[in-house]
């Protein structure tokens, strides 16, 4: 085992493997954070189409389109979505995106939007209907009452679930190497294949992901405590 550690340290330090790992870590974080932010925006819009009263044909059509969208992205693997977009859809449309990281962020955002939409919908449904009715009674329009009263409370309710979605996205970045992205997994895979010693590099890879997940978990708990303190202050007034 000592020889394996020596080979890993040599490849990681002497031959500059740490630089590739840092680049891979950066790509992993960018893809996960960017994907989650896009997913939140898309998920919120889709959730709104699912909960608004369906009095018009336009809203009903949007709802059906949302169902197809959610069904596709929840029903197909992330790696298949990456391959379809990068190697099929973009070339077929004549669109050229030089950065595979940008493509990964877009696909991760589209995928996350399908899951966040269901998370957001359940969060909206968890808010007492009387809150919306009270806003409407005060003269607020339906969209305004949703955005100012219901949505903020829904987001507070779904923070732990959004944290879980973020963790899933971080771990899912391991498949982005299929479209040439040098993420954390591919960086350590390169170190391992340099001397055909896989035990230490893959153990270190697992350790990196574990540390990232622990940091995200701590951050989510901190946010939850801040919201809880804010609620107690409001209640005390």
C-alpha atoms as a PDB file:
ATOM      1  CA  UNK A   1       0.000   0.000   0.000  1.00  0.00           C
ATOM      2  CA  UNK A   2       2.909   2.344   0.705  1.00  0.00           C
ATOM      3  CA  UNK A   3       4.058   1.957  -2.892  1.00  0.00           C
ATOM      4  CA  UNK A   4       0.569   2.814  -4.119  1.00  0.00           C
ATOM      5  CA  UNK A   5       0.516   5.959  -1.996  1.00  0.00           C
ATOM      6  CA  UNK A   6       3.934   6.934  -3.333  1.00  0.00           C
ATOM      7  CA  UNK A   7       2.773   6.509  -6.913  1.00  0.00           C
ATOM      8  CA  UNK A   8      -0.344   8.576  -6.220  1.00  0.00           C
ATOM      9  CA  UNK A   9       1.584  11.392  -4.495  1.00  0.00           C
ATOM     10  CA  UNK A  10       4.083  11.426  -7.335  1.00  0.00           C
ATOM     11  CA  UNK A  11       1.350  11.715  -9.941  1.00  0.00           C
ATOM     12  CA  UNK A  12      -0.722  14.153  -7.860  1.00  0.00           C
ATOM     13  CA  UNK A  13       2.085  16.509  -6.801  1.00  0.00           C
ATOM     14  CA  UNK A  14       5.192  16.005  -8.892  1.00  0.00           C
ATOM     15  CA  UNK A  15       3.440  15.718 -12.226  1.00  0.00           C
ATOM     16  CA  UNK A  16       0.799  18.334 -11.448  1.00  0.00           C
ATOM     17  CA  UNK A  17      -2.216  16.085 -11.129  1.00  0.00           C
ATOM     18  CA  UNK A  18      -3.627  18.408  -8.478  1.00  0.00           C
ATOM     19  CA  UNK A  19      -4.136  21.100 -11.113  1.00  0.00           C
ATOM     20  CA  UNK A  20      -6.373  18.781 -13.121  1.00  0.00           C
ATOM     21  CA  UNK A  21      -8.257  17.888  -9.929  1.00  0.00           C
ATOM     22  CA  UNK A  22      -8.814  21.563  -9.096  1.00  0.00           C
ATOM     23  CA  UNK A  23     -10.067  22.200 -12.628  1.00  0.00           C
ATOM     24  CA  UNK A  24     -12.350  19.172 -12.313  1.00  0.00           C
ATOM     25  CA  UNK A  25     -13.631  20.367  -8.938  1.00  0.00           C
ATOM     26  CA  UNK A  26     -14.359  23.785 -10.416  1.00  0.00           C
ATOM     27  CA  UNK A  27     -16.253  22.225 -13.340  1.00  0.00           C
ATOM     28  CA  UNK A  28     -18.223  19.978 -10.968  1.00  0.00           C
ATOM     29  CA  UNK A  29     -19.301  22.912  -8.800  1.00  0.00           C
ATOM     30  CA  UNK A  30     -20.157  25.141 -11.775  1.00  0.00           C
ATOM     31  CA  UNK A  31     -22.293  22.444 -13.391  1.00  0.00           C
ATOM     32  CA  UNK A  32     -24.123  21.561 -10.161  1.00  0.00           C
ATOM     33  CA  UNK A  33     -24.746  25.161  -9.047  1.00  0.00           C
ATOM     34  CA  UNK A  34     -25.670  26.381 -12.527  1.00  0.00           C
ATOM     35  CA  UNK A  35     -27.931  23.389 -13.079  1.00  0.00           C
ATOM     36  CA  UNK A  36     -29.716  23.942  -9.773  1.00  0.00           C
ATOM     37  CA  UNK A  37     -30.288  27.662 -10.428  1.00  0.00           C
ATOM     38  CA  UNK A  38     -31.711  26.970 -13.889  1.00  0.00           C
ATOM     39  CA  UNK A  39     -33.748  24.113 -12.426  1.00  0.00           C
ATOM     40  CA  UNK A  40     -35.259  26.375  -9.766  1.00  0.00           C
ATOM     41  CA  UNK A  41     -36.385  28.906 -12.376  1.00  0.00           C
ATOM     42  CA  UNK A  42     -37.820  26.251 -14.708  1.00  0.00           C
ATOM     43  CA  UNK A  43     -39.310  24.284 -11.820  1.00  0.00           C
ATOM     44  CA  UNK A  44     -41.059  27.343 -10.434  1.00  0.00           C
ATOM     45  CA  UNK A  45     -42.589  28.181 -13.819  1.00  0.00           C
ATOM     46  CA  UNK A  46     -43.773  24.608 -14.365  1.00  0.00           C
ATOM     47  CA  UNK A  47     -45.158  24.378 -10.829  1.00  0.00           C
ATOM     48  CA  UNK A  48     -47.136  27.564 -11.431  1.00  0.00           C
ATOM     49  CA  UNK A  49     -48.733  26.031 -14.540  1.00  0.00           C
ATOM     50  CA  UNK A  50     -49.721  22.996 -12.478  1.00  0.00           C
ATOM     51  CA  UNK A  51     -51.366  24.838  -9.593  1.00  0.00           C
ATOM     52  CA  UNK A  52     -53.079  27.776 -11.317  1.00  0.00           C
ATOM     53  CA  UNK A  53     -56.791  27.341 -12.091  1.00  0.00           C
ATOM     54  CA  UNK A  54     -57.129  25.880 -15.579  1.00  0.00           C
ATOM     55  CA  UNK A  55     -59.901  28.086 -16.890  1.00  0.00           C
ATOM     56  CA  UNK A  56     -58.362  28.777 -20.301  1.00  0.00           C
ATOM     57  CA  UNK A  57     -57.198  26.514 -23.133  1.00  0.00           C
ATOM     58  CA  UNK A  58     -53.780  28.217 -23.013  1.00  0.00           C
ATOM     59  CA  UNK A  59     -53.171  27.190 -19.404  1.00  0.00           C
ATOM     60  CA  UNK A  60     -54.377  23.652 -20.106  1.00  0.00           C
ATOM     61  CA  UNK A  61     -51.977  23.420 -23.074  1.00  0.00           C
ATOM     62  CA  UNK A  62     -49.076  24.657 -20.945  1.00  0.00           C
ATOM     63  CA  UNK A  63     -49.949  22.079 -18.315  1.00  0.00           C
ATOM     64  CA  UNK A  64     -49.906  19.259 -20.860  1.00  0.00           C
ATOM     65  CA  UNK A  65     -46.590  20.438 -22.315  1.00  0.00           C
ATOM     66  CA  UNK A  66     -45.193  20.537 -18.770  1.00  0.00           C
ATOM     67  CA  UNK A  67     -46.336  16.961 -18.207  1.00  0.00           C
ATOM     68  CA  UNK A  68     -44.472  15.820 -21.326  1.00  0.00           C
ATOM     69  CA  UNK A  69     -41.369  17.772 -20.302  1.00  0.00           C
ATOM     70  CA  UNK A  70     -41.342  16.369 -16.775  1.00  0.00           C
ATOM     71  CA  UNK A  71     -42.066  12.861 -18.004  1.00  0.00           C
ATOM     72  CA  UNK A  72     -39.161  12.917 -20.465  1.00  0.00           C
ATOM     73  CA  UNK A  73     -36.518  14.286 -18.118  1.00  0.00           C
ATOM     74  CA  UNK A  74     -37.607  12.135 -15.192  1.00  0.00           C
ATOM     75  CA  UNK A  75     -37.947   9.039 -17.352  1.00  0.00           C
ATOM     76  CA  UNK A  76     -34.558   9.071 -19.102  1.00  0.00           C
ATOM     77  CA  UNK A  77     -31.051   8.837 -17.587  1.00  0.00           C
ATOM     78  CA  UNK A  78     -28.969  11.985 -17.305  1.00  0.00           C
ATOM     79  CA  UNK A  79     -26.188  10.514 -19.445  1.00  0.00           C
ATOM     80  CA  UNK A  80     -28.672   9.830 -22.264  1.00  0.00           C
ATOM     81  CA  UNK A  81     -29.885  13.425 -22.100  1.00  0.00           C
ATOM     82  CA  UNK A  82     -26.296  14.688 -22.292  1.00  0.00           C
ATOM     83  CA  UNK A  83     -25.507  12.493 -25.280  1.00  0.00           C
ATOM     84  CA  UNK A  84     -28.715  13.466 -27.098  1.00  0.00           C
ATOM     85  CA  UNK A  85     -28.151  17.189 -26.653  1.00  0.00           C
ATOM     86  CA  UNK A  86     -24.385  17.259 -27.275  1.00  0.00           C
ATOM     87  CA  UNK A  87     -24.094  14.767 -30.128  1.00  0.00           C
ATOM     88  CA  UNK A  88     -27.559  14.835 -31.739  1.00  0.00           C
ATOM     89  CA  UNK A  89     -29.725  17.901 -31.075  1.00  0.00           C
ATOM     90  CA  UNK A  90     -27.104  20.653 -31.190  1.00  0.00           C
ATOM     91  CA  UNK A  91     -25.455  19.399 -34.431  1.00  0.00           C
ATOM     92  CA  UNK A  92     -28.890  18.822 -36.010  1.00  0.00           C
ATOM     93  CA  UNK A  93     -29.897  22.397 -35.151  1.00  0.00           C
ATOM     94  CA  UNK A  94     -26.591  23.788 -36.418  1.00  0.00           C
ATOM     95  CA  UNK A  95     -25.798  25.207 -32.989  1.00  0.00           C
ATOM     96  CA  UNK A  96     -22.141  25.239 -31.998  1.00  0.00           C
ATOM     97  CA  UNK A  97     -21.227  25.555 -28.314  1.00  0.00           C
ATOM     98  CA  UNK A  98     -17.478  25.297 -27.815  1.00  0.00           C
ATOM     99  CA  UNK A  99     -17.642  24.660 -24.072  1.00  0.00           C
ATOM    100  CA  UNK A 100     -18.920  21.235 -23.055  1.00  0.00           C
ATOM    101  CA  UNK A 101     -19.333  22.639 -19.533  1.00  0.00           C
ATOM    102  CA  UNK A 102     -21.954  25.089 -20.823  1.00  0.00           C
ATOM    103  CA  UNK A 103     -23.849  22.228 -22.472  1.00  0.00           C
ATOM    104  CA  UNK A 104     -23.662  20.242 -19.235  1.00  0.00           C
ATOM    105  CA  UNK A 105     -25.027  23.194 -17.238  1.00  0.00           C
ATOM    106  CA  UNK A 106     -27.952  23.545 -19.655  1.00  0.00           C
ATOM    107  CA  UNK A 107     -28.803  19.835 -19.622  1.00  0.00           C
ATOM    108  CA  UNK A 108     -28.445  19.617 -15.846  1.00  0.00           C
ATOM    109  CA  UNK A 109     -30.700  22.659 -15.516  1.00  0.00           C
ATOM    110  CA  UNK A 110     -33.346  21.120 -17.769  1.00  0.00           C
ATOM    111  CA  UNK A 111     -33.156  17.849 -15.869  1.00  0.00           C
ATOM    112  CA  UNK A 112     -33.267  19.544 -12.486  1.00  0.00           C
ATOM    113  CA  UNK A 113     -36.235  21.670 -13.575  1.00  0.00           C
ATOM    114  CA  UNK A 114     -38.333  18.523 -13.984  1.00  0.00           C
ATOM    115  CA  UNK A 115     -37.604  17.407 -10.431  1.00  0.00           C
ATOM    116  CA  UNK A 116     -37.737  20.864  -8.861  1.00  0.00           C
ATOM    117  CA  UNK A 117     -41.154  21.425 -10.462  1.00  0.00           C
ATOM    118  CA  UNK A 118     -42.586  18.535  -8.452  1.00  0.00           C
ATOM    119  CA  UNK A 119     -40.747  19.691  -5.340  1.00  0.00           C
ATOM    120  CA  UNK A 120     -42.074  23.215  -5.808  1.00  0.00           C
ATOM    121  CA  UNK A 121     -45.596  22.009  -6.516  1.00  0.00           C
ATOM    122  CA  UNK A 122     -45.659  20.044  -3.270  1.00  0.00           C
ATOM    123  CA  UNK A 123     -44.235  23.075  -1.457  1.00  0.00           C
ATOM    124  CA  UNK A 124     -46.979  25.320  -2.836  1.00  0.00           C
ATOM    125  CA  UNK A 125     -49.643  22.794  -1.890  1.00  0.00           C
ATOM    126  CA  UNK A 126     -48.228  22.669   1.650  1.00  0.00           C
ATOM    127  CA  UNK A 127     -49.030  26.368   2.162  1.00  0.00           C
ATOM    128  CA  UNK A 128     -52.438  26.964   3.704  1.00  0.00           C
ATOM    129  CA  UNK A 129     -54.931  27.914   1.001  1.00  0.00           C
ATOM    130  CA  UNK A 130     -56.188  30.635   3.316  1.00  0.00           C
ATOM    131  CA  UNK A 131     -52.928  32.540   2.746  1.00  0.00           C
ATOM    132  CA  UNK A 132     -53.720  32.899  -0.942  1.00  0.00           C
ATOM    133  CA  UNK A 133     -57.345  33.738  -0.255  1.00  0.00           C
ATOM    134  CA  UNK A 134     -56.308  36.427   2.241  1.00  0.00           C
ATOM    135  CA  UNK A 135     -54.024  38.007  -0.340  1.00  0.00           C
ATOM    136  CA  UNK A 136     -56.802  37.954  -2.905  1.00  0.00           C
ATOM    137  CA  UNK A 137     -59.169  39.519  -0.377  1.00  0.00           C
ATOM    138  CA  UNK A 138     -56.671  42.373   0.086  1.00  0.00           C
ATOM    139  CA  UNK A 139     -56.914  43.142  -3.627  1.00  0.00           C
ATOM    140  CA  UNK A 140     -53.821  41.337  -4.896  1.00  0.00           C
ATOM    141  CA  UNK A 141     -54.015  39.633  -8.257  1.00  0.00           C
ATOM    142  CA  UNK A 142     -53.531  35.868  -8.373  1.00  0.00           C
ATOM    143  CA  UNK A 143     -49.942  36.048  -9.748  1.00  0.00           C
ATOM    144  CA  UNK A 144     -48.978  38.756  -7.250  1.00  0.00           C
ATOM    145  CA  UNK A 145     -50.446  36.846  -4.305  1.00  0.00           C
ATOM    146  CA  UNK A 146     -48.588  33.712  -5.425  1.00  0.00           C
ATOM    147  CA  UNK A 147     -45.246  35.489  -5.847  1.00  0.00           C
ATOM    148  CA  UNK A 148     -45.419  37.593  -2.678  1.00  0.00           C
ATOM    149  CA  UNK A 149     -47.221  35.292  -0.258  1.00  0.00           C
ATOM    150  CA  UNK A 150     -47.283  31.655  -1.341  1.00  0.00           C
ATOM    151  CA  UNK A 151     -43.982  31.159  -3.198  1.00  0.00           C
ATOM    152  CA  UNK A 152     -41.734  32.531  -0.392  1.00  0.00           C
ATOM    153  CA  UNK A 153     -43.365  30.199   2.131  1.00  0.00           C
ATOM    154  CA  UNK A 154     -43.170  27.283  -0.300  1.00  0.00           C
ATOM    155  CA  UNK A 155     -39.449  27.844  -0.867  1.00  0.00           C
ATOM    156  CA  UNK A 156     -38.850  27.865   2.884  1.00  0.00           C
ATOM    157  CA  UNK A 157     -40.686  24.547   3.187  1.00  0.00           C
ATOM    158  CA  UNK A 158     -38.708  22.843   0.426  1.00  0.00           C
ATOM    159  CA  UNK A 159     -35.178  23.965   1.351  1.00  0.00           C
ATOM    160  CA  UNK A 160     -34.177  20.500   2.690  1.00  0.00           C
ATOM    161  CA  UNK A 161     -35.470  18.835  -0.474  1.00  0.00           C
ATOM    162  CA  UNK A 162     -33.683  21.372  -2.675  1.00  0.00           C
ATOM    163  CA  UNK A 163     -30.535  20.562  -0.723  1.00  0.00           C
ATOM    164  CA  UNK A 164     -31.001  16.904  -1.593  1.00  0.00           C
ATOM    165  CA  UNK A 165     -31.476  17.840  -5.252  1.00  0.00           C
ATOM    166  CA  UNK A 166     -28.216  19.808  -5.152  1.00  0.00           C
ATOM    167  CA  UNK A 167     -26.402  16.813  -3.691  1.00  0.00           C
ATOM    168  CA  UNK A 168     -27.819  14.590  -6.446  1.00  0.00           C
ATOM    169  CA  UNK A 169     -26.632  17.047  -9.102  1.00  0.00           C
ATOM    170  CA  UNK A 170     -23.118  17.120  -7.626  1.00  0.00           C
ATOM    171  CA  UNK A 171     -22.895  13.342  -7.781  1.00  0.00           C
ATOM    172  CA  UNK A 172     -24.475  13.180 -11.235  1.00  0.00           C
ATOM    173  CA  UNK A 173     -21.676  15.350 -12.650  1.00  0.00           C
ATOM    174  CA  UNK A 174     -19.615  12.171 -12.745  1.00  0.00           C
ATOM    175  CA  UNK A 175     -21.297  11.320 -16.084  1.00  0.00           C
ATOM    176  CA  UNK A 176     -20.301  14.563 -17.827  1.00  0.00           C
ATOM    177  CA  UNK A 177     -17.068  12.977 -19.015  1.00  0.00           C
ATOM    178  CA  UNK A 178     -19.210  11.363 -21.739  1.00  0.00           C
ATOM    179  CA  UNK A 179     -19.276  14.775 -23.440  1.00  0.00           C
ATOM    180  CA  UNK A 180     -15.556  15.507 -22.821  1.00  0.00           C
ATOM    181  CA  UNK A 181     -16.018  17.538 -19.633  1.00  0.00           C
ATOM    182  CA  UNK A 182     -13.046  17.180 -17.281  1.00  0.00           C
ATOM    183  CA  UNK A 183     -14.960  16.899 -14.020  1.00  0.00           C
ATOM    184  CA  UNK A 184     -13.765  15.589 -10.670  1.00  0.00           C
ATOM    185  CA  UNK A 185     -14.294  11.954 -11.639  1.00  0.00           C
ATOM    186  CA  UNK A 186     -12.446  12.248 -14.944  1.00  0.00           C
ATOM    187  CA  UNK A 187      -9.570  14.093 -13.249  1.00  0.00           C
ATOM    188  CA  UNK A 188      -8.983  11.275 -10.772  1.00  0.00           C
ATOM    189  CA  UNK A 189      -9.511   8.700 -13.502  1.00  0.00           C
ATOM    190  CA  UNK A 190      -6.674  10.330 -15.421  1.00  0.00           C
ATOM    191  CA  UNK A 191      -4.387  10.115 -12.392  1.00  0.00           C
ATOM    192  CA  UNK A 192      -5.299   6.459 -11.910  1.00  0.00           C
ATOM    193  CA  UNK A 193      -4.734   5.504 -15.543  1.00  0.00           C
ATOM    194  CA  UNK A 194      -1.327   7.209 -15.631  1.00  0.00           C
ATOM    195  CA  UNK A 195       0.254   4.382 -13.628  1.00  0.00           C
ATOM    196  CA  UNK A 196      -2.593   1.817 -13.626  1.00  0.00           C
ATOM    197  CA  UNK A 197      -3.035   2.104  -9.843  1.00  0.00           C
ATOM    198  CA  UNK A 198      -6.703   2.705  -9.137  1.00  0.00           C
ATOM    199  CA  UNK A 199      -7.180   2.076  -5.419  1.00  0.00           C
ATOM    200  CA  UNK A 200      -5.808   5.308  -3.947  1.00  0.00           C
ATOM    201  CA  UNK A 201      -7.120   7.689  -6.665  1.00  0.00           C
ATOM    202  CA  UNK A 202     -10.632   6.286  -6.412  1.00  0.00           C
ATOM    203  CA  UNK A 203     -10.569   6.368  -2.612  1.00  0.00           C
ATOM    204  CA  UNK A 204      -9.522  10.023  -2.811  1.00  0.00           C
ATOM    205  CA  UNK A 205     -12.289  10.647  -5.356  1.00  0.00           C
ATOM    206  CA  UNK A 206     -14.849   9.206  -2.953  1.00  0.00           C
ATOM    207  CA  UNK A 207     -13.382  11.362  -0.157  1.00  0.00           C
ATOM    208  CA  UNK A 208     -13.732  14.511  -2.289  1.00  0.00           C
ATOM    209  CA  UNK A 209     -17.399  13.821  -3.038  1.00  0.00           C
ATOM    210  CA  UNK A 210     -18.030  12.999   0.619  1.00  0.00           C
ATOM    211  CA  UNK A 211     -16.510  16.302   1.769  1.00  0.00           C
ATOM    212  CA  UNK A 212     -18.574  18.237  -0.773  1.00  0.00           C
ATOM    213  CA  UNK A 213     -21.782  16.548   0.396  1.00  0.00           C
ATOM    214  CA  UNK A 214     -20.935  17.233   4.054  1.00  0.00           C
ATOM    215  CA  UNK A 215     -20.343  20.924   3.273  1.00  0.00           C
ATOM    216  CA  UNK A 216     -23.659  21.167   1.412  1.00  0.00           C
ATOM    217  CA  UNK A 217     -25.458  19.438   4.304  1.00  0.00           C
ATOM    218  CA  UNK A 218     -23.982  21.875   6.822  1.00  0.00           C
ATOM    219  CA  UNK A 219     -24.947  24.817   4.607  1.00  0.00           C
ATOM    220  CA  UNK A 220     -28.536  23.593   4.252  1.00  0.00           C
ATOM    221  CA  UNK A 221     -28.869  23.114   8.028  1.00  0.00           C
ATOM    222  CA  UNK A 222     -27.504  26.625   8.569  1.00  0.00           C
ATOM    223  CA  UNK A 223     -30.104  28.066   6.191  1.00  0.00           C
ATOM    224  CA  UNK A 224     -32.859  26.087   7.927  1.00  0.00           C
ATOM    225  CA  UNK A 225     -31.784  27.449  11.328  1.00  0.00           C
ATOM    226  CA  UNK A 226     -31.786  31.010   9.997  1.00  0.00           C
ATOM    227  CA  UNK A 227     -35.326  30.602   8.671  1.00  0.00           C
ATOM    228  CA  UNK A 228     -36.408  29.041  11.968  1.00  0.00           C
ATOM    229  CA  UNK A 229     -34.986  32.006  13.901  1.00  0.00           C
ATOM    230  CA  UNK A 230     -36.756  34.403  11.544  1.00  0.00           C
ATOM    231  CA  UNK A 231     -40.060  32.589  12.124  1.00  0.00           C
ATOM    232  CA  UNK A 232     -39.603  32.782  15.895  1.00  0.00           C
ATOM    233  CA  UNK A 233     -38.937  36.533  15.693  1.00  0.00           C
ATOM    234  CA  UNK A 234     -42.078  37.059  13.620  1.00  0.00           C
ATOM    235  CA  UNK A 235     -44.116  34.921  16.031  1.00  0.00           C
ATOM    236  CA  UNK A 236     -42.800  36.824  19.047  1.00  0.00           C
ATOM    237  CA  UNK A 237     -43.984  40.109  17.536  1.00  0.00           C
END
